[in-house]
Amino acid sequence: MRVVLHKKFEKKLKKYPFLKDQARERIILFAADINYPILNNHALVGRWIGYRSINITGDYRAVYRLDGENVAYFVDLDTHSNLYR
């Protein structure tokens, strides 16, 4: 799986520097196996319909969308409550 980070996602990584290593680790796992159990990969609804989410930490999520079968665009990173309110 090829992973592309949107500018907004990269900006959030700079905003939350304590997540950098964990996000990198989870994205590597994601690229190897998008259904790796620790990621809790799941489809989103509401304003995020068409997107999916993986867990970065207990409360932080990374939102992405698939483009075809081989490209994932990570578009946002934030806490569960900030993303889904």
Protein backbone atom coordinates (compact mmCIF):
# COMPACT_ATOMS: atom_id res chain seq x y z
CA MET A 1 0.00 0.00 0.00
CA ARG A 2 1.32 3.42 -0.95
CA VAL A 3 0.66 6.12 1.66
CA VAL A 4 0.35 9.83 0.83
CA LEU A 5 0.18 12.45 3.58
CA HIS A 6 -2.00 15.48 2.88
CA LYS A 7 -0.62 18.91 3.89
CA LYS A 8 -3.27 19.15 6.61
CA PHE A 9 -2.14 15.81 8.06
CA GLU A 10 1.50 16.94 8.05
CA LYS A 11 0.50 20.22 9.72
CA LYS A 12 -1.28 18.29 12.49
CA LEU A 13 1.83 16.13 13.00
CA LYS A 14 3.78 19.35 13.61
CA LYS A 15 1.05 20.53 16.00
CA TYR A 16 1.29 17.25 17.96
CA PRO A 17 5.03 16.41 17.91
CA PHE A 18 4.55 13.79 20.65
CA LEU A 19 2.60 11.71 18.09
CA LYS A 20 5.29 11.66 15.40
CA ASP A 21 6.90 8.33 16.32
CA GLN A 22 3.59 6.61 17.08
CA ALA A 23 2.03 7.88 13.84
CA ARG A 24 5.04 6.69 11.82
CA GLU A 25 4.86 3.25 13.46
CA ARG A 26 1.12 2.90 12.80
CA ILE A 27 1.42 4.06 9.19
CA ILE A 28 4.17 1.50 8.59
CA LEU A 29 1.89 -1.20 10.03
CA PHE A 30 -0.94 0.13 7.87
CA ALA A 31 1.17 0.01 4.70
CA ALA A 32 2.08 -3.61 5.43
CA ASP A 33 -1.45 -4.74 6.38
CA ILE A 34 -4.38 -2.31 6.43
CA ASN A 35 -6.35 -4.70 8.63
CA TYR A 36 -3.68 -5.15 11.30
CA PRO A 37 -5.78 -5.57 14.50
CA ILE A 38 -4.13 -2.84 16.60
CA LEU A 39 -5.12 -0.22 14.00
CA ASN A 40 -8.86 -0.76 14.50
CA ASN A 41 -9.39 0.24 10.86
CA HIS A 42 -13.03 1.19 10.30
CA ALA A 43 -15.31 3.13 7.96
CA LEU A 44 -16.67 6.50 9.06
CA VAL A 45 -20.13 8.00 8.74
CA GLY A 46 -21.69 11.46 8.83
CA ARG A 47 -19.52 14.24 7.47
CA TRP A 48 -16.68 11.72 7.04
CA ILE A 49 -18.63 9.28 4.85
CA GLY A 50 -16.29 7.71 2.30
CA TYR A 51 -13.32 7.96 4.68
CA ARG A 52 -11.81 5.48 7.09
CA SER A 53 -9.94 5.82 10.38
CA ILE A 54 -7.12 4.06 12.21
CA ASN A 55 -6.01 4.40 15.82
CA ILE A 56 -2.73 6.17 16.48
CA THR A 57 -3.05 6.11 20.28
CA GLY A 58 -5.92 5.49 22.64
CA ASP A 59 -7.58 8.81 21.77
CA TYR A 60 -5.86 9.99 18.57
CA ARG A 61 -7.11 8.93 15.15
CA ALA A 62 -5.79 9.27 11.62
CA VAL A 63 -8.41 9.74 8.89
CA TYR A 64 -7.74 8.55 5.36
CA ARG A 65 -9.44 7.69 2.10
CA LEU A 66 -8.53 5.00 -0.36
CA ASP A 67 -7.83 5.82 -3.99
CA GLY A 68 -8.08 2.54 -5.82
CA GLU A 69 -6.56 -0.48 -4.17
CA ASN A 70 -3.01 0.72 -3.68
CA VAL A 71 -3.06 4.35 -2.47
CA ALA A 72 -4.20 5.75 0.87
CA TYR A 73 -4.43 9.53 1.39
CA PHE A 74 -4.14 10.47 5.07
CA VAL A 75 -6.04 13.74 5.41
CA ASP A 76 -6.47 14.49 9.12
CA LEU A 77 -5.14 13.63 12.56
CA ASP A 78 -6.73 14.61 15.86
CA THR A 79 -8.47 13.35 18.97
CA HIS A 80 -11.58 11.26 18.62
CA SER A 81 -13.79 14.02 20.05
CA ASN A 82 -12.33 16.76 17.81
CA LEU A 83 -12.71 14.71 14.63
CA TYR A 84 -16.23 13.43 15.21
CA ARG A 85 -18.10 16.33 16.78
